[in-house]
Amino acid sequence: MKTVKLNGVMLDLKGMEIKNPAGGGALKMNEFVANLLAFSKGDNALRKLSIAQAMYLDGDMELEDADYKLVKKIVDGSDTSAILLAQVLTAMGVTE
């Protein structure tokens, strides 16, 4: 089991909150990752959606090792900007 703590908000290089482009205040890490999972392509659609739904509600959660690897793979494989992905990976405990 791995613990992920994604209930924070995304910050820019100045340490200011990044606004959610869809509105509603700051861009939340858990919602960002949940959307990456929900809109990702490939295998494990049901598992990805299940994790995404739980993560959208609460970003501080325990993930089975296989689910953690799945989330990390989706985040690593995203073509989103490094400033967002690095914050998520750091919050997931990834060090390199």
Protein backbone atom coordinates (compact mmCIF):
# COMPACT_ATOMS: atom_id res chain seq x y z
CA MET A 1 0.00 0.00 0.00
CA LYS A 2 1.14 3.51 -0.79
CA THR A 3 -0.23 6.72 0.66
CA VAL A 4 -0.77 9.66 -1.67
CA LYS A 5 -1.54 13.13 -0.40
CA LEU A 6 -3.08 15.08 -3.27
CA ASN A 7 -5.39 17.44 -1.38
CA GLY A 8 -3.19 20.45 -2.11
CA VAL A 9 -3.51 23.06 -4.81
CA MET A 10 -1.22 23.64 -7.77
CA LEU A 11 1.25 26.51 -7.45
CA ASP A 12 3.07 28.56 -10.06
CA LEU A 13 6.77 29.43 -9.93
CA LYS A 14 6.06 32.34 -7.59
CA GLY A 15 4.21 30.06 -5.17
CA MET A 16 0.82 31.51 -6.12
CA GLU A 17 -2.20 29.28 -6.69
CA ILE A 18 -2.85 28.33 -10.30
CA LYS A 19 -6.44 29.07 -11.21
CA ASN A 20 -8.62 26.24 -12.42
CA PRO A 21 -9.28 26.92 -16.13
CA ALA A 22 -12.79 25.52 -15.66
CA GLY A 23 -13.49 28.07 -12.91
CA GLY A 24 -14.16 27.51 -9.26
CA GLY A 25 -10.96 28.78 -7.68
CA ALA A 26 -7.58 27.11 -7.46
CA LEU A 27 -6.60 24.03 -9.45
CA LYS A 28 -6.71 21.13 -6.97
CA MET A 29 -4.19 18.30 -7.31
CA ASN A 30 -6.69 15.52 -6.66
CA GLU A 31 -9.13 16.82 -9.26
CA PHE A 32 -6.31 17.30 -11.79
CA VAL A 33 -5.05 13.71 -11.37
CA ALA A 34 -8.59 12.30 -11.29
CA ASN A 35 -9.24 13.92 -14.65
CA LEU A 36 -5.96 12.60 -16.07
CA LEU A 37 -7.07 9.10 -15.06
CA ALA A 38 -10.66 9.47 -16.23
CA PHE A 39 -9.69 10.75 -19.67
CA SER A 40 -6.70 8.46 -20.23
CA LYS A 41 -6.79 5.86 -22.97
CA GLY A 42 -5.76 2.24 -22.97
CA ASP A 43 -6.34 -0.73 -20.71
CA ASN A 44 -7.88 -0.84 -17.23
CA ALA A 45 -10.68 1.64 -17.97
CA LEU A 46 -12.88 0.42 -15.13
CA ARG A 47 -10.04 0.47 -12.60
CA LYS A 48 -8.87 3.94 -13.69
CA LEU A 49 -12.39 5.32 -13.42
CA SER A 50 -12.87 3.78 -9.98
CA ILE A 51 -9.63 5.34 -8.70
CA ALA A 52 -10.49 8.66 -10.37
CA GLN A 53 -13.90 8.84 -8.71
CA ALA A 54 -12.47 8.12 -5.25
CA MET A 55 -9.56 10.52 -5.77
CA TYR A 56 -11.84 13.32 -6.97
CA LEU A 57 -13.64 13.18 -3.62
CA ASP A 58 -10.49 12.92 -1.47
CA GLY A 59 -6.92 13.11 -2.70
CA ASP A 60 -5.42 11.73 0.52
CA MET A 61 -5.80 8.02 0.06
CA GLU A 62 -4.16 4.63 0.26
CA LEU A 63 -3.51 2.92 -3.06
CA GLU A 64 -2.62 -0.71 -3.66
CA ASP A 65 0.86 -0.99 -5.19
CA ALA A 66 -0.59 -1.87 -8.62
CA ASP A 67 -2.97 1.12 -8.50
CA TYR A 68 -0.14 3.42 -7.42
CA LYS A 69 1.95 2.24 -10.39
CA LEU A 70 -1.04 2.79 -12.69
CA VAL A 71 -1.56 6.36 -11.46
CA LYS A 72 2.16 7.12 -11.70
CA LYS A 73 2.26 5.74 -15.25
CA ILE A 74 -0.66 7.95 -16.32
CA VAL A 75 0.89 11.04 -14.69
CA ASP A 76 4.35 10.30 -16.14
CA GLY A 77 2.85 9.72 -19.58
CA SER A 78 0.83 12.91 -19.65
CA ASP A 79 1.82 15.67 -22.04
CA THR A 80 0.82 18.28 -19.47
CA SER A 81 3.33 20.88 -18.30
CA ALA A 82 6.22 19.89 -16.05
CA ILE A 83 5.23 22.36 -13.32
CA LEU A 84 1.96 20.51 -12.78
CA LEU A 85 3.28 16.98 -13.16
CA ALA A 86 6.28 17.57 -10.88
CA GLN A 87 4.03 18.80 -8.07
CA VAL A 88 1.83 15.72 -8.36
CA LEU A 89 4.77 13.31 -8.49
CA THR A 90 6.33 15.01 -5.45
CA ALA A 91 3.03 14.71 -3.56
CA MET A 92 2.97 11.03 -4.50
CA GLY A 93 6.40 10.54 -2.95
CA VAL A 94 8.33 10.16 -6.21
CA THR A 95 11.84 11.53 -5.77
CA GLU A 96 13.32 11.20 -9.26
